Amino acid sequence: MNYLIVNADDFGASRGINRAIIELHQLGVVTSTSLMIDVPAARHAAHMARASPKLGVGLHVTLTNEHSAPLIDFDDAARCLKELEAQITRFIDALGQAPTHIDSHQNMHRDERLLPIFQDVAGRHSLPLREHSPARYFSAFYGQWNGETHAEQISIENLLLMLESEIGDGITELSCHPGHTDPAFDSPYNIEREIELKTLSDGRFTAFLHKRAVKLISFRDLPLRTARLQSL
């Protein structure tokens, strides 16, 4: 069986992003999202998440700003560990439940100084960690590199072409960054969010999944789905 988690990153970064993620969830496309707990629209996101109980919500650990500048000394392991634990605590306080999974803004958990800390925290809290769980991480649905927009990369045609070869037996996580443009949100990845929203809203996406018998799940389902796959 083929399973797909469509996870929208940056939940909480702006109200425009929050609205787009919920719109796609209501369309039955986005099954999961990752919440940035320490950003201005996090409270708005938490309110919307509580009104969408079927949406899986994980923690998008934020250790850098939108321009990739560190907000903490990555060489201070004790300080980084304390910050990860604090963000989990603030997440639980805001949503009244633990995150369904954990990942990080700009994938900073890949940093060799941070990865052992993320793995330790994820293990102690029994949280799937991006790229270190049974869900294969597919990150190519992203429309910018070298500071230039590449709309063709996040078009519906290219998305379906990539998924044709990417989705196989087991569980795949498709990460995305949809959003409505928000003048109050200063991010280098901006107009691309509107393109992603349009692409994921396109009926050809869900038709593709239906034709290939791909079942949409969230990280909340991951332990159950993993056990089922292992029994086959």
Protein backbone atom coordinates (compact mmCIF):
# COMPACT_ATOMS: atom_id res chain seq x y z
CA MET A 1 0.00 0.00 0.00
CA ASN A 2 1.18 3.53 -0.80
CA TYR A 3 0.70 6.21 1.85
CA LEU A 4 1.34 9.93 1.53
CA ILE A 5 1.64 12.57 4.24
CA VAL A 6 1.22 16.07 2.81
CA ASN A 7 2.88 18.24 5.43
CA ALA A 8 2.73 22.03 5.25
CA ASP A 9 5.65 23.73 6.97
CA ASP A 10 5.69 27.18 8.58
CA PHE A 11 2.25 27.05 10.21
CA GLY A 12 2.10 30.14 12.41
CA ALA A 13 4.54 32.22 10.39
CA SER A 14 1.77 34.53 9.17
CA ARG A 15 -2.00 34.67 9.02
CA GLY A 16 -1.84 34.30 5.24
CA ILE A 17 0.12 31.07 5.60
CA ASN A 18 -2.26 29.83 8.28
CA ARG A 19 -5.30 30.44 6.08
CA ALA A 20 -3.76 28.68 3.10
CA ILE A 21 -2.87 25.60 5.13
CA ILE A 22 -6.36 25.32 6.59
CA GLU A 23 -7.92 25.85 3.15
CA LEU A 24 -5.88 22.97 1.75
CA HIS A 25 -6.73 20.82 4.75
CA GLN A 26 -10.42 21.47 4.19
CA LEU A 27 -9.95 20.44 0.55
CA GLY A 28 -8.64 17.12 1.83
CA VAL A 29 -5.11 17.75 0.55
CA VAL A 30 -2.96 18.81 3.51
CA THR A 31 -3.13 16.17 6.21
CA SER A 32 -0.39 17.46 8.47
CA THR A 33 1.40 20.68 9.34
CA SER A 34 4.38 21.84 11.37
CA LEU A 35 3.81 24.72 13.76
CA MET A 36 6.38 27.41 14.52
CA ILE A 37 5.48 28.11 18.12
CA ASP A 38 7.45 31.34 18.69
CA VAL A 39 6.31 33.48 15.76
CA PRO A 40 3.71 36.30 15.67
CA ALA A 41 0.83 34.31 14.16
CA ALA A 42 1.38 31.15 16.25
CA ARG A 43 -1.60 31.86 18.49
CA HIS A 44 -3.80 32.35 15.42
CA ALA A 45 -2.50 29.03 14.05
CA ALA A 46 -3.16 27.22 17.32
CA HIS A 47 -6.74 28.51 17.34
CA MET A 48 -7.28 27.28 13.78
CA ALA A 49 -5.70 23.92 14.59
CA ARG A 50 -8.01 23.36 17.54
CA ALA A 51 -10.93 23.91 15.17
CA SER A 52 -9.50 21.31 12.76
CA PRO A 53 -9.15 18.15 14.87
CA LYS A 54 -8.31 15.90 11.91
CA LEU A 55 -5.25 17.96 11.05
CA GLY A 56 -2.05 16.47 12.43
CA VAL A 57 0.10 19.20 13.97
CA GLY A 58 3.78 18.75 14.66
CA LEU A 59 6.47 21.11 15.93
CA HIS A 60 8.55 23.08 13.44
CA VAL A 61 11.48 23.82 15.74
CA THR A 62 12.72 27.33 14.98
CA LEU A 63 16.40 28.05 15.61
CA THR A 64 16.98 30.47 12.71
CA ASN A 65 15.15 33.47 11.31
CA GLU A 66 13.71 33.72 7.79
CA HIS A 67 17.11 34.75 6.46
CA SER A 68 18.86 31.70 7.96
CA ALA A 69 20.59 33.62 10.74
CA PRO A 70 20.96 31.52 13.94
CA LEU A 71 18.87 32.59 16.90
CA ILE A 72 20.97 30.49 19.27
CA ASP A 73 24.58 29.30 19.53
CA PHE A 74 24.62 25.87 17.86
CA ASP A 75 27.88 25.04 19.64
CA ASP A 76 26.15 25.28 23.02
CA ALA A 77 24.58 21.82 23.21
CA ALA A 78 23.01 22.36 26.62
CA ARG A 79 21.37 25.60 25.50
CA CYS A 80 20.07 23.98 22.31
CA LEU A 81 18.62 21.05 24.25
CA LYS A 82 16.93 23.43 26.66
CA GLU A 83 15.43 25.39 23.75
CA LEU A 84 14.04 22.28 22.04
CA GLU A 85 12.41 21.14 25.26
CA ALA A 86 11.04 24.64 25.85
CA GLN A 87 9.46 24.77 22.40
CA ILE A 88 7.79 21.40 23.00
CA THR A 89 6.43 22.71 26.30
CA ARG A 90 5.12 25.88 24.67
CA PHE A 91 3.52 23.79 21.92
CA ILE A 92 1.67 21.65 24.46
CA ASP A 93 0.58 24.74 26.39
CA ALA A 94 -0.83 26.29 23.19
CA LEU A 95 -2.58 23.24 21.72
CA GLY A 96 -3.31 21.14 24.78
CA GLN A 97 -1.65 18.12 23.21
CA ALA A 98 1.76 16.85 22.21
CA PRO A 99 3.01 17.36 18.65
CA THR A 100 2.46 14.50 16.21
CA HIS A 101 6.03 14.80 14.93
CA ILE A 102 9.06 17.05 14.98
CA ASP A 103 11.05 18.76 12.24
CA SER A 104 12.87 22.07 11.96
CA HIS A 105 12.73 25.35 10.12
CA GLN A 106 15.12 25.26 7.16
CA ASN A 107 15.95 21.66 8.16
CA MET A 108 18.48 22.82 10.72
CA HIS A 109 18.29 19.44 12.45
CA ARG A 110 20.65 18.23 9.71
CA ASP A 111 23.45 20.26 11.29
CA GLU A 112 25.90 17.78 12.81
CA ARG A 113 25.91 19.75 16.06
CA LEU A 114 22.12 19.63 16.35
CA LEU A 115 21.14 16.21 14.98
CA PRO A 116 22.10 14.21 18.10
CA ILE A 117 20.08 16.63 20.22
CA PHE A 118 17.04 16.34 17.96
CA GLN A 119 17.32 12.56 17.95
CA ASP A 120 17.56 12.48 21.74
CA VAL A 121 14.54 14.74 22.22
CA ALA A 122 12.48 12.93 19.58
CA GLY A 123 13.30 9.58 21.14
CA ARG A 124 12.44 10.62 24.69
CA HIS A 125 9.11 12.12 23.54
CA SER A 126 8.36 9.27 21.09
CA LEU A 127 8.06 11.72 18.19
CA PRO A 128 8.84 10.88 14.55
CA LEU A 129 11.75 13.07 13.42
CA ARG A 130 11.89 14.14 9.79
CA GLU A 131 14.34 12.00 7.79
CA HIS A 132 14.70 9.65 10.77
CA SER A 133 11.33 7.92 10.76
CA PRO A 134 9.59 5.34 8.57
CA ALA A 135 8.27 8.19 6.39
CA ARG A 136 10.56 8.93 3.44
CA TYR A 137 11.09 12.67 3.12
CA PHE A 138 10.46 14.19 -0.32
CA SER A 139 11.61 17.80 -0.39
CA ALA A 140 11.92 18.62 -4.10
CA PHE A 141 8.58 20.46 -4.18
CA TYR A 142 10.26 23.80 -3.54
CA GLY A 143 10.34 26.73 -5.93
CA GLN A 144 13.48 28.70 -5.19
CA TRP A 145 17.23 28.27 -5.27
CA ASN A 146 20.17 30.64 -5.62
CA GLY A 147 17.75 33.43 -4.72
CA GLU A 148 15.70 32.92 -7.87
CA THR A 149 12.09 31.78 -8.25
CA HIS A 150 11.55 28.59 -10.24
CA ALA A 151 7.81 28.43 -10.75
CA GLU A 152 8.17 25.46 -13.06
CA GLN A 153 9.46 23.34 -10.18
CA ILE A 154 6.24 23.77 -8.20
CA SER A 155 3.79 23.57 -11.10
CA ILE A 156 1.09 20.91 -11.03
CA GLU A 157 2.65 19.25 -14.07
CA ASN A 158 6.05 18.92 -12.41
CA LEU A 159 4.60 17.84 -9.08
CA LEU A 160 2.75 14.95 -10.70
CA LEU A 161 5.82 14.00 -12.70
CA MET A 162 7.96 13.91 -9.56
CA LEU A 163 5.40 11.93 -7.58
CA GLU A 164 5.08 9.40 -10.39
CA SER A 165 8.59 8.20 -9.66
CA GLU A 166 8.79 9.11 -5.97
CA ILE A 167 5.78 7.40 -4.42
CA GLY A 168 6.29 3.70 -3.84
CA ASP A 169 5.39 1.10 -1.25
CA GLY A 170 5.38 2.51 2.24
CA ILE A 171 5.04 6.05 3.54
CA THR A 172 6.23 9.24 1.86
CA GLU A 173 6.18 12.75 3.33
CA LEU A 174 5.65 15.51 0.78
CA SER A 175 6.68 18.79 2.37
CA CYS A 176 5.19 22.01 1.07
CA HIS A 177 5.08 25.72 1.90
CA PRO A 178 1.74 27.12 0.72
CA GLY A 179 0.53 30.54 1.73
CA HIS A 180 -1.32 33.71 0.85
CA THR A 181 0.93 36.73 0.42
CA ASP A 182 1.13 38.70 3.64
CA PRO A 183 2.81 42.14 3.52
CA ALA A 184 3.57 41.88 7.23
CA PHE A 185 5.63 38.71 6.74
CA ASP A 186 9.23 39.30 5.66
CA SER A 187 10.41 36.13 3.93
CA PRO A 188 12.55 35.47 0.85
CA TYR A 189 10.15 32.64 -0.01
CA ASN A 190 6.99 34.61 -0.71
CA ILE A 191 5.41 34.55 -4.16
CA GLU A 192 6.32 30.87 -4.40
CA ARG A 193 3.86 30.16 -1.60
CA GLU A 194 0.95 31.38 -3.73
CA ILE A 195 2.10 29.12 -6.57
CA GLU A 196 2.28 26.13 -4.24
CA LEU A 197 -1.23 26.91 -3.00
CA LYS A 198 -2.56 26.98 -6.55
CA THR A 199 -0.79 23.74 -7.45
CA LEU A 200 -2.00 21.81 -4.41
CA SER A 201 -5.55 23.11 -4.95
CA ASP A 202 -5.58 21.74 -8.49
CA GLY A 203 -7.98 18.83 -8.84
CA ARG A 204 -5.42 16.93 -10.87
CA PHE A 205 -3.42 16.34 -7.69
CA THR A 206 -6.15 14.46 -5.84
CA ALA A 207 -7.17 12.71 -9.07
CA PHE A 208 -3.59 11.47 -9.43
CA LEU A 209 -3.60 10.08 -5.89
CA HIS A 210 -6.96 8.38 -6.40
CA LYS A 211 -5.92 6.79 -9.69
CA ARG A 212 -2.80 5.31 -8.09
CA ALA A 213 -4.55 4.23 -4.89
CA VAL A 214 -2.39 6.48 -2.72
CA LYS A 215 -3.93 6.91 0.72
CA LEU A 216 -3.45 10.24 2.48
CA ILE A 217 -2.52 9.98 6.15
CA SER A 218 -0.95 12.22 8.79
CA PHE A 219 1.91 11.69 11.21
CA ARG A 220 -0.73 10.84 13.80
CA ASP A 221 -1.30 7.62 11.84
CA LEU A 222 2.38 6.77 11.52
CA PRO A 223 2.75 4.19 14.34
CA LEU A 224 -0.38 2.33 13.20
CA ARG A 225 0.58 2.40 9.52
CA THR A 226 4.13 1.33 10.28
CA ALA A 227 2.93 -1.66 12.29
CA ARG A 228 0.60 -2.66 9.47
CA LEU A 229 3.35 -2.41 6.86
CA GLN A 230 5.71 -4.51 8.97
CA SER A 231 3.08 -7.25 9.29
CA LEU A 232 2.67 -7.62 5.52
